[in-house]
Amino acid sequence: MNIDDKTKTELEAAAFRRLLEHLRGRTDVQNIDMMNLAGFCRNCLSNWFEDAAKAKGVAVTREEARSMVYGMPYDEWKAKHQAAASDDQKAAFAQSQKH
């Protein structure tokens, strides 16, 4: 692949926006399931965004970063879409944290 840095950054940003759009549409996929299967979740994405902003000197709060990822305030998303984790999900999460 032979592309300049600006184009590469634009493509990466477009892919990230598409990932966010996909995750916003898949409210049936719980964060704990994402953590158990992939090792990251929506909260991880928002934390990474917040870290990147702070590294560039951009003031972003945790809530602002989460709203950007979730497409709405985090508490609203949790109330609408987050189910209580089952014992199996919690056990799988605990096991995954050992690696």
Protein backbone atom coordinates (compact mmCIF):
# COMPACT_ATOMS: atom_id res chain seq x y z
CA MET A 1 0.00 0.00 0.00
CA ASN A 2 1.46 3.30 -1.06
CA ILE A 3 -0.52 6.19 0.45
CA ASP A 4 0.51 9.40 2.12
CA ASP A 5 0.13 9.96 5.86
CA LYS A 6 -2.80 12.38 5.49
CA THR A 7 -4.80 9.93 3.39
CA LYS A 8 -3.93 7.06 5.73
CA THR A 9 -5.18 9.09 8.71
CA GLU A 10 -8.39 9.95 6.85
CA LEU A 11 -8.97 6.28 6.02
CA GLU A 12 -8.30 5.24 9.61
CA ALA A 13 -10.75 7.90 10.84
CA ALA A 14 -13.39 6.71 8.36
CA ALA A 15 -12.94 3.11 9.52
CA PHE A 16 -13.24 4.22 13.16
CA ARG A 17 -16.43 6.16 12.43
CA ARG A 18 -17.85 3.09 10.70
CA LEU A 19 -16.94 0.92 13.70
CA LEU A 20 -18.76 3.36 16.00
CA GLU A 21 -21.79 3.37 13.70
CA HIS A 22 -21.79 -0.42 13.68
CA LEU A 23 -21.54 -0.66 17.47
CA ARG A 24 -24.30 1.92 17.94
CA GLY A 25 -26.55 -0.23 15.79
CA ARG A 26 -25.67 -3.41 17.65
CA THR A 27 -27.07 -2.52 21.05
CA ASP A 28 -27.82 -6.22 21.51
CA VAL A 29 -24.09 -6.85 21.88
CA GLN A 30 -23.20 -6.29 25.50
CA ASN A 31 -19.87 -4.79 26.54
CA ILE A 32 -19.06 -7.80 28.72
CA ASP A 33 -19.48 -10.09 25.69
CA MET A 34 -17.13 -7.87 23.69
CA MET A 35 -14.61 -7.98 26.53
CA ASN A 36 -14.90 -11.76 26.82
CA LEU A 37 -14.47 -12.35 23.09
CA ALA A 38 -12.26 -9.51 21.89
CA GLY A 39 -10.61 -8.09 24.99
CA PHE A 40 -12.06 -4.59 24.50
CA CYS A 41 -15.45 -2.90 24.57
CA ARG A 42 -17.12 0.45 23.94
CA ASN A 43 -15.74 1.80 27.22
CA CYS A 44 -12.23 0.84 26.11
CA LEU A 45 -12.73 2.76 22.86
CA SER A 46 -13.89 5.83 24.77
CA ASN A 47 -10.93 5.55 27.16
CA TRP A 48 -8.51 5.30 24.22
CA PHE A 49 -10.13 8.35 22.62
CA GLU A 50 -9.82 10.27 25.89
CA ASP A 51 -6.17 9.23 26.26
CA ALA A 52 -5.38 10.32 22.69
CA ALA A 53 -7.10 13.66 23.22
CA LYS A 54 -5.21 14.32 26.43
CA ALA A 55 -1.92 13.35 24.77
CA LYS A 56 -2.62 16.10 22.22
CA GLY A 57 -3.54 18.60 24.94
CA VAL A 58 -7.25 18.48 24.12
CA ALA A 59 -9.54 18.67 27.14
CA VAL A 60 -12.05 15.82 26.94
CA THR A 61 -13.96 14.43 29.89
CA ARG A 62 -14.69 10.75 30.35
CA GLU A 63 -18.41 11.45 29.82
CA GLU A 64 -17.73 13.38 26.59
CA ALA A 65 -15.60 10.53 25.25
CA ARG A 66 -18.26 7.97 26.15
CA SER A 67 -21.00 10.05 24.55
CA MET A 68 -18.92 10.22 21.39
CA VAL A 69 -18.59 6.42 21.30
CA TYR A 70 -22.12 5.55 22.41
CA GLY A 71 -23.88 8.29 20.42
CA MET A 72 -25.69 9.39 23.58
CA PRO A 73 -24.87 9.93 27.24
CA TYR A 74 -23.48 6.71 28.74
CA ASP A 75 -26.08 6.56 31.54
CA GLU A 76 -28.85 6.80 28.94
CA TRP A 77 -27.31 3.99 26.88
CA LYS A 78 -26.96 1.80 29.98
CA ALA A 79 -30.59 2.38 30.95
CA LYS A 80 -31.82 1.54 27.44
CA HIS A 81 -29.51 -1.26 26.39
CA GLN A 82 -27.33 -2.76 29.11
CA ALA A 83 -28.54 -5.99 30.64
CA ALA A 84 -27.28 -7.36 33.91
CA ALA A 85 -24.33 -9.67 33.36
CA SER A 86 -25.09 -13.35 33.89
CA ASP A 87 -23.01 -15.51 36.19
CA ASP A 88 -21.52 -17.21 33.09
CA GLN A 89 -20.55 -13.84 31.59
CA LYS A 90 -18.97 -12.75 34.87
CA ALA A 91 -17.04 -16.02 35.15
CA ALA A 92 -15.80 -15.73 31.56
CA PHE A 93 -14.72 -12.14 32.25
CA ALA A 94 -12.85 -13.15 35.41
CA GLN A 95 -11.10 -15.92 33.47
CA SER A 96 -10.18 -13.59 30.62
CA GLN A 97 -8.54 -11.15 33.04
CA LYS A 98 -6.03 -13.83 34.05
CA HIS A 99 -4.37 -13.75 30.61
